[in-house]
Amino acid sequence: MIAPSNPHLAQLLDQPADGDADAMDVFIALFDGGMYVPIAAPGQVITGRNPAGERILLGFADAGLGRDVPAAVGTSYCDAAELMTMLAGTGAVELVLRSRQGEARLPRLTLERWADSFPGDRLRLDPATGPDARALHGALTRRVPGFPAVRAAWLSLASWPDSPEPQLLLHVAVDEDPPGPVANHLLRALLREEALRHLSYPEVAVIPLHPVAHAHTVAELDGLGLATVRNEARTGPFEAAAPDAPQPRRRWFGRS
C-alpha cells in the first residue's frame, strides 16, 4: 500500500471518535508534513462552505482523497507556510482536514495564533546510516532512472519531537503537479526490493516536492550533506521560484 502523503497527520485523524487527537498534535503534524488541497486547474484551489455559509479550505492527508471533491481535476501539495497564505487569500474562516477515516476542523484564527507562536524546527534531518539506509540508497540508485519525472531524491534519518523512533525519510523532487503520486509510486517500488521487504511505514516515509514550487526546500536539502540520488537523464538545473513570489517561512523543516 502507498504510504499517505502525511502519515503522521493521517494517523492522528484516523483515531476513533472516542479518542480524538489533540488539536495541537494535529497542528504540529500539519506543520511538519503539509497536506494536499483539491484544485480545479493549476493554481486554482477549490474551497467549500460550512453550514453558516462561510468559506472553508479543505485539506487532505492523502493526495488521492482530494480528487473525489466535486469539480476537482487533481490535488496539489501545500506546505504549512503556503497554507497560511492560502487561508488569507481565499478568506476561509476554517481549515477542514480529512483522512480516510477521520476529520478535524481548525479555525483560521486559531491557526494564525499558533503559527505566530510556533517554535519551529520541528523536524530534524540527519544523514542516514546503517544497513537499511545503505540498501535504500542502493535501491534508489537503481530505481530512479526508471522514473523520468523524478529529478532527485534525498535520503535522511528524520526525528520528530516525542516520536519514539526516528524514521528513514525520502524527499523526492518530481516534475509533475501534484508530485505525490510519482513519489509514492517510487517508494512502493523501493520497498519491493528484496533487501527492503522487511520495511514499511513508519520505518520509511516520503515527502514529495515540486522543483519550482519548493525550490527553496530543495536548496536547503542540498546543503545538509544528505545522501542524494539524481536522475542523470535530467541534467538541467533546478529552476528558482519567481522573484515576486512570496517566500514562505519553512520553520517545520529546519534542523534543531
Protein backbone atom coordinates (compact mmCIF):
# COMPACT_ATOMS: atom_id res chain seq x y z
CA MET A 1 0.00 0.00 0.00
CA ILE A 2 1.24 3.51 -0.85
CA ALA A 3 2.09 5.49 2.27
CA PRO A 4 -0.07 8.57 2.89
CA SER A 5 1.46 11.89 1.93
CA ASN A 6 1.47 12.93 5.59
CA PRO A 7 1.28 9.66 7.51
CA HIS A 8 1.57 11.28 10.95
CA LEU A 9 -1.40 13.53 10.22
CA ALA A 10 -3.39 10.62 8.80
CA GLN A 11 -2.69 8.54 11.89
CA LEU A 12 -3.99 11.31 14.16
CA LEU A 13 -7.11 11.96 12.10
CA ASP A 14 -7.90 8.24 11.82
CA GLN A 15 -8.30 7.86 15.58
CA PRO A 16 -11.79 6.69 16.64
CA ALA A 17 -14.33 9.25 17.80
CA ASP A 18 -13.80 8.38 21.47
CA GLY A 19 -10.07 9.05 21.11
CA ASP A 20 -9.98 12.37 19.23
CA ALA A 21 -6.49 13.68 18.64
CA ASP A 22 -5.38 16.79 20.48
CA ALA A 23 -5.77 19.82 18.19
CA MET A 24 -2.19 20.94 18.85
CA ASP A 25 -0.87 17.50 17.85
CA VAL A 26 -2.82 17.80 14.58
CA PHE A 27 -1.41 21.29 14.06
CA ILE A 28 2.18 20.10 14.61
CA ALA A 29 1.71 17.15 12.22
CA LEU A 30 0.31 19.56 9.64
CA PHE A 31 3.25 21.93 10.01
CA ASP A 32 5.74 19.06 9.85
CA GLY A 33 4.36 17.30 6.77
CA GLY A 34 1.92 19.56 4.93
CA MET A 35 -1.26 18.43 3.19
CA TYR A 36 -2.98 18.20 -0.20
CA VAL A 37 -5.65 20.62 -1.45
CA PRO A 38 -8.12 19.90 -4.29
CA ILE A 39 -7.66 22.00 -7.43
CA ALA A 40 -9.94 22.78 -10.39
CA ALA A 41 -6.93 23.81 -12.50
CA PRO A 42 -3.24 24.51 -11.80
CA GLY A 43 -3.15 27.21 -9.14
CA GLN A 44 -6.94 27.22 -8.70
CA VAL A 45 -7.83 25.85 -5.25
CA ILE A 46 -11.33 24.52 -4.60
CA THR A 47 -12.94 25.82 -1.40
CA GLY A 48 -16.20 24.88 0.31
CA ARG A 49 -18.83 26.34 2.62
CA ASN A 50 -19.78 25.48 6.17
CA PRO A 51 -23.43 25.30 7.34
CA ALA A 52 -23.33 29.03 8.10
CA GLY A 53 -22.30 29.77 4.50
CA GLU A 54 -18.76 30.80 5.43
CA ARG A 55 -15.88 29.79 3.20
CA ILE A 56 -13.71 26.85 4.32
CA LEU A 57 -10.48 25.37 2.99
CA LEU A 58 -10.25 21.61 2.53
CA GLY A 59 -7.02 19.74 3.24
CA PHE A 60 -6.24 16.04 2.92
CA ALA A 61 -3.54 13.86 4.46
CA ASP A 62 -3.71 11.55 1.42
CA ALA A 63 -3.42 13.00 -2.08
CA GLY A 64 -5.95 10.55 -3.51
CA LEU A 65 -8.82 11.68 -1.31
CA GLY A 66 -8.89 15.23 -2.63
CA ARG A 67 -9.62 14.02 -6.15
CA ASP A 68 -13.11 12.97 -5.03
CA VAL A 69 -14.11 16.59 -4.37
CA PRO A 70 -16.68 17.75 -7.00
CA ALA A 71 -15.02 19.68 -9.88
CA ALA A 72 -11.53 18.61 -8.78
CA VAL A 73 -9.10 17.62 -11.51
CA GLY A 74 -6.43 16.65 -9.00
CA THR A 75 -4.66 17.77 -5.85
CA SER A 76 -1.66 19.93 -5.13
CA TYR A 77 0.80 19.62 -2.26
CA CYS A 78 0.64 22.51 0.19
CA ASP A 79 3.21 23.12 2.90
CA ALA A 80 2.45 24.98 6.10
CA ALA A 81 3.54 28.45 5.01
CA GLU A 82 1.59 28.09 1.77
CA LEU A 83 -1.43 27.08 3.86
CA MET A 84 -1.34 30.34 5.83
CA THR A 85 -1.05 32.32 2.59
CA MET A 86 -3.92 30.32 1.10
CA LEU A 87 -6.19 30.94 4.10
CA ALA A 88 -5.60 34.66 3.80
CA GLY A 89 -6.03 34.68 0.01
CA THR A 90 -9.29 32.73 -0.04
CA GLY A 91 -10.83 34.37 3.01
CA ALA A 92 -11.52 30.94 4.51
CA VAL A 93 -12.53 31.03 8.17
CA GLU A 94 -11.73 27.39 8.84
CA LEU A 95 -9.47 24.56 7.71
CA VAL A 96 -11.16 21.16 7.43
CA LEU A 97 -8.57 18.35 7.46
CA ARG A 98 -9.59 14.88 6.33
CA SER A 99 -8.07 11.42 6.21
CA ARG A 100 -9.63 8.15 5.09
CA GLN A 101 -11.34 7.64 8.42
CA GLY A 102 -11.41 10.97 10.24
CA GLU A 103 -11.68 14.73 10.18
CA ALA A 104 -10.51 17.74 12.19
CA ARG A 105 -11.70 21.34 11.96
CA LEU A 106 -9.26 24.13 12.83
CA PRO A 107 -10.44 27.77 12.89
CA ARG A 108 -8.29 30.16 10.91
CA LEU A 109 -7.83 32.49 13.88
CA THR A 110 -6.52 29.59 15.98
CA LEU A 111 -4.11 28.55 13.22
CA GLU A 112 -2.81 32.10 12.90
CA ARG A 113 -2.29 32.41 16.65
CA TRP A 114 -0.48 29.09 16.86
CA ALA A 115 1.63 29.87 13.78
CA ASP A 116 2.84 33.12 15.33
CA SER A 117 3.98 31.34 18.50
CA PHE A 118 5.08 28.04 16.94
CA PRO A 119 8.73 27.42 17.90
CA GLY A 120 9.65 25.82 14.59
CA ASP A 121 12.46 23.39 13.83
CA ARG A 122 10.07 20.51 14.44
CA LEU A 123 11.73 18.11 12.04
CA ARG A 124 15.38 17.19 12.34
CA LEU A 125 17.13 15.62 9.37
CA ASP A 126 20.44 13.77 9.75
CA PRO A 127 22.45 11.66 7.30
CA ALA A 128 21.09 8.12 7.37
CA THR A 129 23.49 5.31 8.31
CA GLY A 130 23.22 1.57 8.81
CA PRO A 131 22.34 -1.42 6.60
CA ASP A 132 18.77 -0.30 5.86
CA ALA A 133 19.95 3.13 4.76
CA ARG A 134 22.64 1.60 2.53
CA ALA A 135 20.11 -0.79 0.98
CA LEU A 136 17.64 2.04 0.40
CA HIS A 137 20.31 4.22 -1.20
CA GLY A 138 21.33 1.37 -3.48
CA ALA A 139 17.71 0.74 -4.46
CA LEU A 140 17.24 4.45 -5.19
CA THR A 141 20.27 4.41 -7.47
CA ARG A 142 18.77 1.53 -9.44
CA ARG A 143 15.16 2.71 -9.49
CA VAL A 144 15.32 6.49 -10.05
CA PRO A 145 16.33 6.19 -13.75
CA GLY A 146 13.08 4.31 -14.33
CA PHE A 147 11.05 7.32 -13.18
CA PRO A 148 11.60 10.05 -15.81
CA ALA A 149 9.68 12.70 -13.84
CA VAL A 150 11.93 12.32 -10.78
CA ARG A 151 14.67 14.93 -10.66
CA ALA A 152 16.37 13.89 -7.41
CA ALA A 153 15.84 12.11 -4.11
CA TRP A 154 17.39 12.88 -0.72
CA LEU A 155 17.68 10.22 1.97
CA SER A 156 17.77 11.21 5.64
CA LEU A 157 17.06 9.96 9.14
CA ALA A 158 14.17 12.10 10.38
CA SER A 159 13.31 12.75 14.01
CA TRP A 160 10.10 14.32 15.29
CA PRO A 161 9.63 15.57 18.87
CA ASP A 162 8.01 12.96 21.10
CA SER A 163 8.41 10.29 18.41
CA PRO A 164 9.68 7.01 19.87
CA GLU A 165 11.89 6.19 16.91
CA PRO A 166 13.43 8.16 14.03
CA GLN A 167 12.50 7.02 10.54
CA LEU A 168 14.14 6.86 7.16
CA LEU A 169 12.72 9.70 5.08
CA LEU A 170 12.85 10.41 1.37
CA HIS A 171 12.34 13.85 -0.11
CA VAL A 172 11.63 13.34 -3.81
CA ALA A 173 11.58 16.19 -6.36
CA VAL A 174 9.15 15.39 -9.18
CA ASP A 175 8.45 17.41 -12.34
CA GLU A 176 4.71 16.82 -12.08
CA ASP A 177 1.95 18.67 -10.25
CA PRO A 178 0.99 17.20 -7.90
CA PRO A 179 4.31 15.41 -7.24
CA GLY A 180 2.84 12.99 -4.69
CA PRO A 181 1.65 10.12 -6.93
CA VAL A 182 5.07 9.64 -8.55
CA ALA A 183 6.93 9.98 -5.24
CA ASN A 184 4.67 7.44 -3.55
CA HIS A 185 4.92 5.06 -6.50
CA LEU A 186 8.72 5.28 -6.27
CA LEU A 187 8.58 4.44 -2.56
CA ARG A 188 6.35 1.46 -3.22
CA ALA A 189 8.80 0.21 -5.88
CA LEU A 190 11.71 0.60 -3.47
CA LEU A 191 10.01 -1.41 -0.74
CA ARG A 192 9.54 -4.29 -3.19
CA GLU A 193 13.33 -4.68 -3.40
CA GLU A 194 14.47 -7.90 -1.75
CA ALA A 195 16.72 -6.13 0.75
CA LEU A 196 13.91 -3.77 1.82
CA ARG A 197 10.86 -6.02 2.01
CA HIS A 198 11.02 -6.06 5.80
CA LEU A 199 10.45 -2.29 5.87
CA SER A 200 7.18 -0.38 5.67
CA TYR A 201 5.66 2.79 7.10
CA PRO A 202 6.56 4.07 9.68
CA GLU A 203 10.12 2.81 9.08
CA VAL A 204 10.23 4.65 5.73
CA ALA A 205 8.21 7.69 4.61
CA VAL A 206 8.26 10.07 1.65
CA ILE A 207 7.73 13.81 1.21
CA PRO A 208 7.05 14.85 -2.40
CA LEU A 209 8.42 18.15 -3.71
CA HIS A 210 7.95 20.15 -6.89
CA PRO A 211 11.30 21.53 -8.18
CA VAL A 212 9.88 25.02 -8.78
CA ALA A 213 7.20 25.39 -6.09
CA HIS A 214 9.57 24.02 -3.44
CA ALA A 215 12.86 25.34 -4.86
CA HIS A 216 13.96 26.74 -1.50
CA THR A 217 13.38 23.42 0.26
CA VAL A 218 15.42 21.73 -2.48
CA ALA A 219 18.25 24.18 -1.84
CA GLU A 220 18.10 23.50 1.91
CA LEU A 221 18.23 19.75 1.34
CA ASP A 222 21.29 20.14 -0.88
CA GLY A 223 23.04 21.95 1.97
CA LEU A 224 22.50 19.25 4.60
CA GLY A 225 25.04 16.73 3.33
CA LEU A 226 22.42 14.02 2.82
CA ALA A 227 22.80 11.01 0.54
CA THR A 228 21.38 12.21 -2.78
CA VAL A 229 20.45 10.35 -5.94
CA ARG A 230 19.97 12.48 -9.04
CA ASN A 231 18.38 11.35 -12.27
CA GLU A 232 21.27 11.52 -14.73
CA ALA A 233 18.77 11.86 -17.58
CA ARG A 234 17.64 15.17 -16.02
CA THR A 235 20.85 17.17 -16.00
CA GLY A 236 19.34 20.67 -16.19
CA PRO A 237 19.46 22.91 -13.12
CA PHE A 238 16.52 23.33 -10.79
CA GLU A 239 14.54 26.45 -11.60
CA ALA A 240 14.14 29.08 -8.91
CA ALA A 241 10.76 30.35 -7.83
CA ALA A 242 9.61 33.61 -9.40
CA PRO A 243 11.30 36.62 -7.73
CA ASP A 244 7.98 38.25 -6.87
CA ALA A 245 6.50 35.08 -5.37
CA PRO A 246 6.05 35.16 -1.58
CA GLN A 247 8.82 33.23 0.14
CA PRO A 248 7.39 31.09 2.96
CA ARG A 249 8.99 30.62 6.36
CA ARG A 250 9.95 26.94 6.49
CA ARG A 251 10.05 26.57 10.25
CA TRP A 252 8.90 22.96 10.19
CA PHE A 253 11.86 21.95 8.06
CA GLY A 254 14.98 23.33 9.77
CA ARG A 255 17.38 21.36 11.87
CA SER A 256 17.13 21.55 15.65
